[in-house]
Amino acid sequence: MAEKIVVDARNMACPGPITKLTKAYRKAKPGDIIEVLATDPGFKPDVQAWVQRTGNELLELKEENGVIKAVIKVTAKK
């Protein structure tokens, strides 16, 4: 059964949000959803590059009130 994993990386500077995402990803299984909340503006391009590099699926990427929310479906384990 797929799980939803929430990673709160608000108020962390790069590379903190990506590091927290990677740690959550290592524990995740294919089909799981990882939702990351971050405030570092550099997180947007970083998470797009991370998804391309790891072969996972970016379901949503939006910014609201200074908080960037990325929703990733784990489709690959590298």
C-alpha atoms as a PDB file:
ATOM      1  CA  MET A   1       0.000   0.000   0.000  1.00  0.00           C
ATOM      2  CA  ALA A   2       1.385   3.398  -0.995  1.00  0.00           C
ATOM      3  CA  GLU A   3       2.285   5.822   1.744  1.00  0.00           C
ATOM      4  CA  LYS A   4       2.359   9.610   1.797  1.00  0.00           C
ATOM      5  CA  ILE A   5       5.570  10.955   3.285  1.00  0.00           C
ATOM      6  CA  VAL A   6       5.649  14.630   4.263  1.00  0.00           C
ATOM      7  CA  VAL A   7       9.044  16.332   4.435  1.00  0.00           C
ATOM      8  CA  ASP A   8       9.077  19.719   6.148  1.00  0.00           C
ATOM      9  CA  ALA A   9      12.191  21.530   4.965  1.00  0.00           C
ATOM     10  CA  ARG A  10      10.935  25.065   5.570  1.00  0.00           C
ATOM     11  CA  ASN A  11      13.515  27.582   6.778  1.00  0.00           C
ATOM     12  CA  MET A  12      16.386  25.387   5.559  1.00  0.00           C
ATOM     13  CA  ALA A  13      18.945  26.680   3.089  1.00  0.00           C
ATOM     14  CA  CYS A  14      20.209  24.601   0.190  1.00  0.00           C
ATOM     15  CA  PRO A  15      21.190  21.824   0.127  1.00  0.00           C
ATOM     16  CA  GLY A  16      19.031  21.066   3.203  1.00  0.00           C
ATOM     17  CA  PRO A  17      15.690  20.495   1.435  1.00  0.00           C
ATOM     18  CA  ILE A  18      17.204  18.163  -1.179  1.00  0.00           C
ATOM     19  CA  THR A  19      19.131  16.293   1.530  1.00  0.00           C
ATOM     20  CA  LYS A  20      15.909  15.741   3.499  1.00  0.00           C
ATOM     21  CA  LEU A  21      14.114  14.666   0.309  1.00  0.00           C
ATOM     22  CA  THR A  22      16.875  12.159  -0.489  1.00  0.00           C
ATOM     23  CA  LYS A  23      16.705  10.666   3.026  1.00  0.00           C
ATOM     24  CA  ALA A  24      12.924  10.228   2.715  1.00  0.00           C
ATOM     25  CA  TYR A  25      13.350   8.750  -0.777  1.00  0.00           C
ATOM     26  CA  ARG A  26      15.770   6.105   0.500  1.00  0.00           C
ATOM     27  CA  LYS A  27      13.070   4.838   2.884  1.00  0.00           C
ATOM     28  CA  ALA A  28      10.237   5.064   0.320  1.00  0.00           C
ATOM     29  CA  LYS A  29       8.844   2.299  -1.842  1.00  0.00           C
ATOM     30  CA  PRO A  30       7.682   2.540  -5.470  1.00  0.00           C
ATOM     31  CA  GLY A  31       4.212   4.074  -5.523  1.00  0.00           C
ATOM     32  CA  ASP A  32       4.784   6.185  -2.401  1.00  0.00           C
ATOM     33  CA  ILE A  33       4.141   9.925  -2.552  1.00  0.00           C
ATOM     34  CA  ILE A  34       6.656  12.358  -1.078  1.00  0.00           C
ATOM     35  CA  GLU A  35       5.417  15.877  -0.364  1.00  0.00           C
ATOM     36  CA  VAL A  36       8.157  18.411   0.344  1.00  0.00           C
ATOM     37  CA  LEU A  37       7.582  21.874   1.803  1.00  0.00           C
ATOM     38  CA  ALA A  38      10.459  24.339   1.449  1.00  0.00           C
ATOM     39  CA  THR A  39      11.033  28.082   1.605  1.00  0.00           C
ATOM     40  CA  ASP A  40      14.420  28.303  -0.134  1.00  0.00           C
ATOM     41  CA  PRO A  41      13.786  29.713  -3.661  1.00  0.00           C
ATOM     42  CA  GLY A  42      16.611  27.518  -4.973  1.00  0.00           C
ATOM     43  CA  PHE A  43      14.554  24.448  -4.147  1.00  0.00           C
ATOM     44  CA  LYS A  44      12.354  24.777  -7.266  1.00  0.00           C
ATOM     45  CA  PRO A  45      15.111  24.177  -9.837  1.00  0.00           C
ATOM     46  CA  ASP A  46      16.868  21.749  -7.476  1.00  0.00           C
ATOM     47  CA  VAL A  47      13.828  19.484  -7.106  1.00  0.00           C
ATOM     48  CA  GLN A  48      13.226  19.528 -10.879  1.00  0.00           C
ATOM     49  CA  ALA A  49      16.820  18.411 -11.458  1.00  0.00           C
ATOM     50  CA  TRP A  50      16.548  15.803  -8.679  1.00  0.00           C
ATOM     51  CA  VAL A  51      13.423  14.263 -10.257  1.00  0.00           C
ATOM     52  CA  GLN A  52      15.096  14.081 -13.681  1.00  0.00           C
ATOM     53  CA  ARG A  53      18.251  12.570 -12.209  1.00  0.00           C
ATOM     54  CA  THR A  54      16.424   9.919 -10.162  1.00  0.00           C
ATOM     55  CA  GLY A  55      13.749   9.075 -12.731  1.00  0.00           C
ATOM     56  CA  ASN A  56      10.786   9.789 -10.462  1.00  0.00           C
ATOM     57  CA  GLU A  57       7.601  11.705 -11.306  1.00  0.00           C
ATOM     58  CA  LEU A  58       6.945  15.313 -10.274  1.00  0.00           C
ATOM     59  CA  LEU A  59       3.173  15.473  -9.803  1.00  0.00           C
ATOM     60  CA  GLU A  60       2.960  19.041  -8.527  1.00  0.00           C
ATOM     61  CA  LEU A  61       5.251  22.021  -7.999  1.00  0.00           C
ATOM     62  CA  LYS A  62       3.723  25.247  -6.750  1.00  0.00           C
ATOM     63  CA  GLU A  63       4.559  28.213  -4.571  1.00  0.00           C
ATOM     64  CA  GLU A  64       2.077  29.830  -2.238  1.00  0.00           C
ATOM     65  CA  ASN A  65       2.774  32.471   0.433  1.00  0.00           C
ATOM     66  CA  GLY A  66       6.513  31.884   0.131  1.00  0.00           C
ATOM     67  CA  VAL A  67       6.251  28.112   0.622  1.00  0.00           C
ATOM     68  CA  ILE A  68       7.224  25.821  -2.241  1.00  0.00           C
ATOM     69  CA  LYS A  69       5.349  22.525  -2.341  1.00  0.00           C
ATOM     70  CA  ALA A  70       6.650  19.644  -4.418  1.00  0.00           C
ATOM     71  CA  VAL A  71       4.708  16.396  -4.723  1.00  0.00           C
ATOM     72  CA  ILE A  72       6.743  13.486  -6.060  1.00  0.00           C
ATOM     73  CA  LYS A  73       5.620   9.969  -6.930  1.00  0.00           C
ATOM     74  CA  VAL A  74       8.296   7.367  -6.366  1.00  0.00           C
ATOM     75  CA  THR A  75       8.454   5.427  -9.622  1.00  0.00           C
ATOM     76  CA  ALA A  76      12.112   4.453  -9.652  1.00  0.00           C
ATOM     77  CA  LYS A  77      14.640   3.344  -7.086  1.00  0.00           C
ATOM     78  CA  LYS A  78      18.264   4.065  -7.986  1.00  0.00           C
END
